[in-house]
Amino acid sequence: MDIETSHPAQQPGMAERAMDAATDVSRSIGEATAGLKAAVERLRVTLSDAQSGRVIPALRQATREAPLTSLFAAFLLGAMLARRH
């Protein structure tokens, strides 16, 4: 009867752990870069719309028609943005 001895699992060496860490950091940087590019594009579109004159006149009119509602909406938007960060 032949009994196989199990070999203890080898722990990854320092070089392998360093490579894993570098890969994780690289992936995280890539994800952050993609998110930043998307945010910049949204900001560019928003600024373009504001400069073309579509957004600001609409906000002015809404504020004149319902100032308390606009104030409440601005408050909620500020609270929502503050909670995200």
C-alpha atoms as a PDB file:
ATOM      1  CA  MET A   1       0.000   0.000   0.000  1.00  0.00           C
ATOM      2  CA  ASP A   2       1.418   3.303  -1.109  1.00  0.00           C
ATOM      3  CA  ILE A   3       0.553   6.358   0.984  1.00  0.00           C
ATOM      4  CA  GLU A   4       1.042   9.671  -0.708  1.00  0.00           C
ATOM      5  CA  THR A   5       2.344  12.384   1.486  1.00  0.00           C
ATOM      6  CA  SER A   6       0.787  15.740   0.973  1.00  0.00           C
ATOM      7  CA  HIS A   7       3.130  18.584   0.381  1.00  0.00           C
ATOM      8  CA  PRO A   8       2.412  21.749   2.318  1.00  0.00           C
ATOM      9  CA  ALA A   9       1.064  24.538   0.148  1.00  0.00           C
ATOM     10  CA  GLN A  10       3.816  26.927  -0.685  1.00  0.00           C
ATOM     11  CA  GLN A  11       3.282  30.526   0.265  1.00  0.00           C
ATOM     12  CA  PRO A  12       3.837  33.068  -2.503  1.00  0.00           C
ATOM     13  CA  GLY A  13       7.232  34.660  -2.367  1.00  0.00           C
ATOM     14  CA  MET A  14       7.922  38.336  -1.872  1.00  0.00           C
ATOM     15  CA  ALA A  15       8.375  38.885  -5.606  1.00  0.00           C
ATOM     16  CA  GLU A  16       5.001  37.277  -6.392  1.00  0.00           C
ATOM     17  CA  ARG A  17       3.258  39.367  -3.745  1.00  0.00           C
ATOM     18  CA  ALA A  18       4.914  42.506  -5.107  1.00  0.00           C
ATOM     19  CA  MET A  19       3.760  41.633  -8.627  1.00  0.00           C
ATOM     20  CA  ASP A  20       0.202  41.046  -7.366  1.00  0.00           C
ATOM     21  CA  ALA A  21       0.228  44.359  -5.536  1.00  0.00           C
ATOM     22  CA  ALA A  22       1.556  46.173  -8.617  1.00  0.00           C
ATOM     23  CA  THR A  23      -1.137  44.559 -10.762  1.00  0.00           C
ATOM     24  CA  ASP A  24      -3.858  45.626  -8.306  1.00  0.00           C
ATOM     25  CA  VAL A  25      -2.533  49.178  -8.199  1.00  0.00           C
ATOM     26  CA  SER A  26      -2.331  49.305 -11.988  1.00  0.00           C
ATOM     27  CA  ARG A  27      -5.919  48.076 -12.286  1.00  0.00           C
ATOM     28  CA  SER A  28      -7.097  50.623  -9.710  1.00  0.00           C
ATOM     29  CA  ILE A  29      -5.325  53.441 -11.535  1.00  0.00           C
ATOM     30  CA  GLY A  30      -6.921  52.333 -14.791  1.00  0.00           C
ATOM     31  CA  GLU A  31     -10.391  52.351 -13.224  1.00  0.00           C
ATOM     32  CA  ALA A  32      -9.792  55.761 -11.643  1.00  0.00           C
ATOM     33  CA  THR A  33      -8.555  57.135 -14.968  1.00  0.00           C
ATOM     34  CA  ALA A  34     -11.636  55.852 -16.780  1.00  0.00           C
ATOM     35  CA  GLY A  35     -13.904  57.398 -14.144  1.00  0.00           C
ATOM     36  CA  LEU A  36     -12.060  60.698 -14.347  1.00  0.00           C
ATOM     37  CA  LYS A  37     -12.318  60.744 -18.147  1.00  0.00           C
ATOM     38  CA  ALA A  38     -16.075  60.150 -17.920  1.00  0.00           C
ATOM     39  CA  ALA A  39     -16.464  62.924 -15.331  1.00  0.00           C
ATOM     40  CA  VAL A  40     -14.453  65.353 -17.457  1.00  0.00           C
ATOM     41  CA  GLU A  41     -16.599  64.538 -20.490  1.00  0.00           C
ATOM     42  CA  ARG A  42     -19.806  65.135 -18.508  1.00  0.00           C
ATOM     43  CA  LEU A  43     -18.398  68.434 -17.221  1.00  0.00           C
ATOM     44  CA  ARG A  44     -17.414  69.462 -20.754  1.00  0.00           C
ATOM     45  CA  VAL A  45     -20.922  68.745 -22.047  1.00  0.00           C
ATOM     46  CA  THR A  46     -22.504  70.601 -19.123  1.00  0.00           C
ATOM     47  CA  LEU A  47     -20.282  73.648 -19.631  1.00  0.00           C
ATOM     48  CA  SER A  48     -20.964  73.561 -23.347  1.00  0.00           C
ATOM     49  CA  ASP A  49     -24.716  73.512 -22.693  1.00  0.00           C
ATOM     50  CA  ALA A  50     -24.399  76.345 -20.171  1.00  0.00           C
ATOM     51  CA  GLN A  51     -22.371  78.450 -22.588  1.00  0.00           C
ATOM     52  CA  SER A  52     -24.801  77.830 -25.409  1.00  0.00           C
ATOM     53  CA  GLY A  53     -27.469  79.454 -23.284  1.00  0.00           C
ATOM     54  CA  ARG A  54     -29.884  76.572 -22.747  1.00  0.00           C
ATOM     55  CA  VAL A  55     -29.354  75.839 -19.065  1.00  0.00           C
ATOM     56  CA  ILE A  56     -29.012  79.235 -17.386  1.00  0.00           C
ATOM     57  CA  PRO A  57     -32.160  80.828 -18.852  1.00  0.00           C
ATOM     58  CA  ALA A  58     -34.167  77.742 -17.896  1.00  0.00           C
ATOM     59  CA  LEU A  59     -32.853  77.940 -14.319  1.00  0.00           C
ATOM     60  CA  ARG A  60     -33.639  81.659 -14.136  1.00  0.00           C
ATOM     61  CA  GLN A  61     -37.188  81.105 -15.329  1.00  0.00           C
ATOM     62  CA  ALA A  62     -37.781  78.206 -12.940  1.00  0.00           C
ATOM     63  CA  THR A  63     -36.431  80.280 -10.051  1.00  0.00           C
ATOM     64  CA  ARG A  64     -38.705  83.209 -10.914  1.00  0.00           C
ATOM     65  CA  GLU A  65     -41.766  80.991 -11.227  1.00  0.00           C
ATOM     66  CA  ALA A  66     -41.204  78.999  -8.035  1.00  0.00           C
ATOM     67  CA  PRO A  67     -38.459  80.458  -5.822  1.00  0.00           C
ATOM     68  CA  LEU A  68     -39.128  78.266  -2.752  1.00  0.00           C
ATOM     69  CA  THR A  69     -39.271  75.108  -4.831  1.00  0.00           C
ATOM     70  CA  SER A  70     -35.994  76.077  -6.521  1.00  0.00           C
ATOM     71  CA  LEU A  71     -34.383  76.767  -3.157  1.00  0.00           C
ATOM     72  CA  PHE A  72     -35.538  73.389  -1.858  1.00  0.00           C
ATOM     73  CA  ALA A  73     -34.235  71.633  -4.980  1.00  0.00           C
ATOM     74  CA  ALA A  74     -30.870  73.391  -4.607  1.00  0.00           C
ATOM     75  CA  PHE A  75     -30.717  72.359  -0.948  1.00  0.00           C
ATOM     76  CA  LEU A  76     -31.458  68.717  -1.809  1.00  0.00           C
ATOM     77  CA  LEU A  77     -28.853  68.745  -4.571  1.00  0.00           C
ATOM     78  CA  GLY A  78     -26.252  70.183  -2.184  1.00  0.00           C
ATOM     79  CA  ALA A  79     -27.090  67.624   0.503  1.00  0.00           C
ATOM     80  CA  MET A  80     -26.907  64.803  -2.032  1.00  0.00           C
ATOM     81  CA  LEU A  81     -23.524  65.952  -3.313  1.00  0.00           C
ATOM     82  CA  ALA A  82     -22.193  66.382   0.225  1.00  0.00           C
ATOM     83  CA  ARG A  83     -23.201  62.831   1.153  1.00  0.00           C
ATOM     84  CA  ARG A  84     -21.426  61.380  -1.887  1.00  0.00           C
ATOM     85  CA  HIS A  85     -18.093  62.832  -0.786  1.00  0.00           C
END
